[in-house]
Amino acid sequence: MSTDAKLTPEQIIEAYGERWSIESMFNQLKRSWGLKEAWQQTRQTLHRWVHLTLVGYGLIQLLGYLDDQTVRQLCCHSPWRKDNPTTAGQIRKGLLLIFHHVPVRQWWNRKCRKFEPPNWRGSEQDAAISV
């Protein structure tokens, strides 16, 4: 179906085929990346959330093309899978296993309405970084 009555059925199918690659991206972003639950209080916050989500999605897609031992290790969380394929979804699952304990939601300060991650840099870390 098309709103353009001048298109032939073949042209409609070709146009839909070109669109399909972005449809799967939107599906993943809604189902796996939390854009379906994106309800922020301000437009600016919503824009920031969408941009951060898309940057994370893009980085994981790019990691899928990187032929690196560290990336391959992220995909070793499912031992029953033959050859442990390196895909963006497998990389995402591996990263989730590593970072699932990070309490990001607790960093939100409701009073000043900002994220305030804990100050992880103590004097020992500063000395290690400066070396």
C-alpha atoms as a PDB file:
ATOM      1  CA  MET A   1       0.000   0.000   0.000  1.00  0.00           C
ATOM      2  CA  SER A   2       1.122   3.504  -0.730  1.00  0.00           C
ATOM      3  CA  THR A   3      -0.367   6.967  -0.666  1.00  0.00           C
ATOM      4  CA  ASP A   4       1.324   7.651  -4.004  1.00  0.00           C
ATOM      5  CA  ALA A   5      -1.019   6.176  -6.631  1.00  0.00           C
ATOM      6  CA  LYS A   6       1.595   6.672  -9.378  1.00  0.00           C
ATOM      7  CA  LEU A   7       3.969   4.025  -7.958  1.00  0.00           C
ATOM      8  CA  THR A   8       3.996   0.525  -9.371  1.00  0.00           C
ATOM      9  CA  PRO A   9       3.814  -2.454  -6.983  1.00  0.00           C
ATOM     10  CA  GLU A  10       7.514  -3.121  -7.669  1.00  0.00           C
ATOM     11  CA  GLN A  11       8.459   0.441  -6.700  1.00  0.00           C
ATOM     12  CA  ILE A  12       6.442   0.178  -3.487  1.00  0.00           C
ATOM     13  CA  ILE A  13       8.212  -3.059  -2.544  1.00  0.00           C
ATOM     14  CA  GLU A  14      11.625  -1.518  -3.335  1.00  0.00           C
ATOM     15  CA  ALA A  15      10.829   1.557  -1.225  1.00  0.00           C
ATOM     16  CA  TYR A  16       9.745  -0.643   1.679  1.00  0.00           C
ATOM     17  CA  GLY A  17      12.899  -2.753   1.286  1.00  0.00           C
ATOM     18  CA  GLU A  18      15.047   0.371   1.586  1.00  0.00           C
ATOM     19  CA  ARG A  19      13.188   1.344   4.734  1.00  0.00           C
ATOM     20  CA  TRP A  20      13.504  -2.062   6.397  1.00  0.00           C
ATOM     21  CA  SER A  21      17.045  -1.507   7.754  1.00  0.00           C
ATOM     22  CA  ILE A  22      15.905   1.435   9.852  1.00  0.00           C
ATOM     23  CA  GLU A  23      12.736  -0.371  10.984  1.00  0.00           C
ATOM     24  CA  SER A  24      14.816  -3.054  12.712  1.00  0.00           C
ATOM     25  CA  MET A  25      16.926  -0.314  14.344  1.00  0.00           C
ATOM     26  CA  PHE A  26      13.813   1.402  15.722  1.00  0.00           C
ATOM     27  CA  ASN A  27      12.500  -1.942  16.965  1.00  0.00           C
ATOM     28  CA  GLN A  28      15.750  -2.630  18.834  1.00  0.00           C
ATOM     29  CA  LEU A  29      15.872   0.889  20.292  1.00  0.00           C
ATOM     30  CA  LYS A  30      12.302   0.588  21.584  1.00  0.00           C
ATOM     31  CA  ARG A  31      12.470  -2.968  22.921  1.00  0.00           C
ATOM     32  CA  SER A  32      16.054  -3.387  24.106  1.00  0.00           C
ATOM     33  CA  TRP A  33      17.359   0.123  24.652  1.00  0.00           C
ATOM     34  CA  GLY A  34      14.509   1.672  26.619  1.00  0.00           C
ATOM     35  CA  LEU A  35      13.291   4.347  24.224  1.00  0.00           C
ATOM     36  CA  LYS A  36       9.753   3.047  24.725  1.00  0.00           C
ATOM     37  CA  GLU A  37      10.010   4.150  28.362  1.00  0.00           C
ATOM     38  CA  ALA A  38      11.617   7.519  27.590  1.00  0.00           C
ATOM     39  CA  TRP A  39       9.455   9.872  29.634  1.00  0.00           C
ATOM     40  CA  GLN A  40      11.446  12.861  30.762  1.00  0.00           C
ATOM     41  CA  GLN A  41      10.103  15.997  32.360  1.00  0.00           C
ATOM     42  CA  THR A  42      11.594  18.457  29.912  1.00  0.00           C
ATOM     43  CA  ARG A  43      12.277  18.482  26.186  1.00  0.00           C
ATOM     44  CA  GLN A  44      15.993  19.101  26.827  1.00  0.00           C
ATOM     45  CA  THR A  45      16.224  16.059  29.091  1.00  0.00           C
ATOM     46  CA  LEU A  46      14.395  13.927  26.532  1.00  0.00           C
ATOM     47  CA  HIS A  47      16.786  15.068  23.789  1.00  0.00           C
ATOM     48  CA  ARG A  48      19.779  14.253  25.979  1.00  0.00           C
ATOM     49  CA  TRP A  49      18.373  10.811  26.784  1.00  0.00           C
ATOM     50  CA  VAL A  50      17.718  10.014  23.132  1.00  0.00           C
ATOM     51  CA  HIS A  51      21.182  11.226  22.096  1.00  0.00           C
ATOM     52  CA  LEU A  52      22.930   9.182  24.796  1.00  0.00           C
ATOM     53  CA  THR A  53      20.902   6.121  23.881  1.00  0.00           C
ATOM     54  CA  LEU A  54      21.721   6.497  20.192  1.00  0.00           C
ATOM     55  CA  VAL A  55      25.427   7.009  20.928  1.00  0.00           C
ATOM     56  CA  GLY A  56      25.446   3.817  23.015  1.00  0.00           C
ATOM     57  CA  TYR A  57      23.599   1.935  20.290  1.00  0.00           C
ATOM     58  CA  GLY A  58      26.011   3.197  17.642  1.00  0.00           C
ATOM     59  CA  LEU A  59      29.112   2.340  19.668  1.00  0.00           C
ATOM     60  CA  ILE A  60      27.938  -1.218  20.213  1.00  0.00           C
ATOM     61  CA  GLN A  61      27.134  -1.573  16.517  1.00  0.00           C
ATOM     62  CA  LEU A  62      30.673  -0.380  15.709  1.00  0.00           C
ATOM     63  CA  LEU A  63      32.206  -2.765  18.258  1.00  0.00           C
ATOM     64  CA  GLY A  64      30.524  -5.583  16.359  1.00  0.00           C
ATOM     65  CA  TYR A  65      32.754  -4.785  13.380  1.00  0.00           C
ATOM     66  CA  LEU A  66      35.954  -4.585  15.423  1.00  0.00           C
ATOM     67  CA  ASP A  67      37.985  -7.773  15.200  1.00  0.00           C
ATOM     68  CA  ASP A  68      39.473  -7.702  18.683  1.00  0.00           C
ATOM     69  CA  GLN A  69      40.020 -10.317  21.401  1.00  0.00           C
ATOM     70  CA  THR A  70      38.429  -8.109  24.085  1.00  0.00           C
ATOM     71  CA  VAL A  71      35.256  -7.727  22.011  1.00  0.00           C
ATOM     72  CA  ARG A  72      35.149 -11.485  21.373  1.00  0.00           C
ATOM     73  CA  GLN A  73      35.389 -12.116  25.128  1.00  0.00           C
ATOM     74  CA  LEU A  74      32.254 -10.027  25.652  1.00  0.00           C
ATOM     75  CA  CYS A  75      30.386 -12.574  23.522  1.00  0.00           C
ATOM     76  CA  CYS A  76      31.462 -15.634  25.575  1.00  0.00           C
ATOM     77  CA  HIS A  77      28.546 -15.404  28.034  1.00  0.00           C
ATOM     78  CA  SER A  78      26.503 -18.065  26.214  1.00  0.00           C
ATOM     79  CA  PRO A  79      28.660 -21.225  26.122  1.00  0.00           C
ATOM     80  CA  TRP A  80      25.947 -23.256  24.342  1.00  0.00           C
ATOM     81  CA  ARG A  81      26.231 -21.068  21.231  1.00  0.00           C
ATOM     82  CA  LYS A  82      28.508 -22.543  18.597  1.00  0.00           C
ATOM     83  CA  ASP A  83      31.451 -20.349  17.645  1.00  0.00           C
ATOM     84  CA  ASN A  84      30.156 -17.490  19.874  1.00  0.00           C
ATOM     85  CA  PRO A  85      29.235 -15.111  17.042  1.00  0.00           C
ATOM     86  CA  THR A  86      30.308 -11.506  17.497  1.00  0.00           C
ATOM     87  CA  THR A  87      27.137  -9.494  17.054  1.00  0.00           C
ATOM     88  CA  ALA A  88      26.012  -6.187  18.505  1.00  0.00           C
ATOM     89  CA  GLY A  89      23.373  -8.004  20.577  1.00  0.00           C
ATOM     90  CA  GLN A  90      25.936 -10.388  22.059  1.00  0.00           C
ATOM     91  CA  ILE A  91      28.284  -7.482  22.851  1.00  0.00           C
ATOM     92  CA  ARG A  92      25.423  -5.636  24.555  1.00  0.00           C
ATOM     93  CA  LYS A  93      24.608  -8.680  26.696  1.00  0.00           C
ATOM     94  CA  GLY A  94      28.254  -9.043  27.680  1.00  0.00           C
ATOM     95  CA  LEU A  95      28.469  -5.381  28.683  1.00  0.00           C
ATOM     96  CA  LEU A  96      25.231  -5.686  30.669  1.00  0.00           C
ATOM     97  CA  LEU A  97      26.770  -8.538  32.655  1.00  0.00           C
ATOM     98  CA  ILE A  98      29.776  -6.361  33.469  1.00  0.00           C
ATOM     99  CA  PHE A  99      27.888  -3.170  34.342  1.00  0.00           C
ATOM    100  CA  HIS A 100      24.636  -4.517  35.850  1.00  0.00           C
ATOM    101  CA  HIS A 101      25.796  -3.620  39.365  1.00  0.00           C
ATOM    102  CA  VAL A 102      26.440   0.087  38.615  1.00  0.00           C
ATOM    103  CA  PRO A 103      23.663   2.022  40.430  1.00  0.00           C
ATOM    104  CA  VAL A 104      23.164   4.788  37.855  1.00  0.00           C
ATOM    105  CA  ARG A 105      19.570   5.460  38.921  1.00  0.00           C
ATOM    106  CA  GLN A 106      20.760   6.272  42.434  1.00  0.00           C
ATOM    107  CA  TRP A 107      22.917   9.092  41.073  1.00  0.00           C
ATOM    108  CA  TRP A 108      19.821  11.169  40.266  1.00  0.00           C
ATOM    109  CA  ASN A 109      19.420  14.030  42.742  1.00  0.00           C
ATOM    110  CA  ARG A 110      15.716  14.889  42.800  1.00  0.00           C
ATOM    111  CA  LYS A 111      16.293  18.108  44.685  1.00  0.00           C
ATOM    112  CA  CYS A 112      18.550  19.792  42.119  1.00  0.00           C
ATOM    113  CA  ARG A 113      17.321  17.549  39.254  1.00  0.00           C
ATOM    114  CA  LYS A 114      20.800  16.529  38.084  1.00  0.00           C
ATOM    115  CA  PHE A 115      22.873  13.380  37.874  1.00  0.00           C
ATOM    116  CA  GLU A 116      25.570  13.336  40.518  1.00  0.00           C
ATOM    117  CA  PRO A 117      27.817  10.284  40.143  1.00  0.00           C
ATOM    118  CA  PRO A 118      29.901   9.527  43.213  1.00  0.00           C
ATOM    119  CA  ASN A 119      33.326  11.103  43.346  1.00  0.00           C
ATOM    120  CA  TRP A 120      35.392   8.016  42.543  1.00  0.00           C
ATOM    121  CA  ARG A 121      38.684   9.860  42.261  1.00  0.00           C
ATOM    122  CA  GLY A 122      40.445   9.792  45.553  1.00  0.00           C
ATOM    123  CA  SER A 123      44.045  10.733  46.201  1.00  0.00           C
ATOM    124  CA  GLU A 124      45.227   7.192  45.304  1.00  0.00           C
ATOM    125  CA  GLN A 125      43.499   7.248  41.931  1.00  0.00           C
ATOM    126  CA  ASP A 126      44.796  10.743  41.140  1.00  0.00           C
ATOM    127  CA  ALA A 127      48.329   9.592  41.921  1.00  0.00           C
ATOM    128  CA  ALA A 128      47.891   6.519  39.715  1.00  0.00           C
ATOM    129  CA  ILE A 129      46.515   8.617  36.848  1.00  0.00           C
ATOM    130  CA  SER A 130      49.294  11.191  37.005  1.00  0.00           C
ATOM    131  CA  VAL A 131      52.019   8.510  36.796  1.00  0.00           C
END
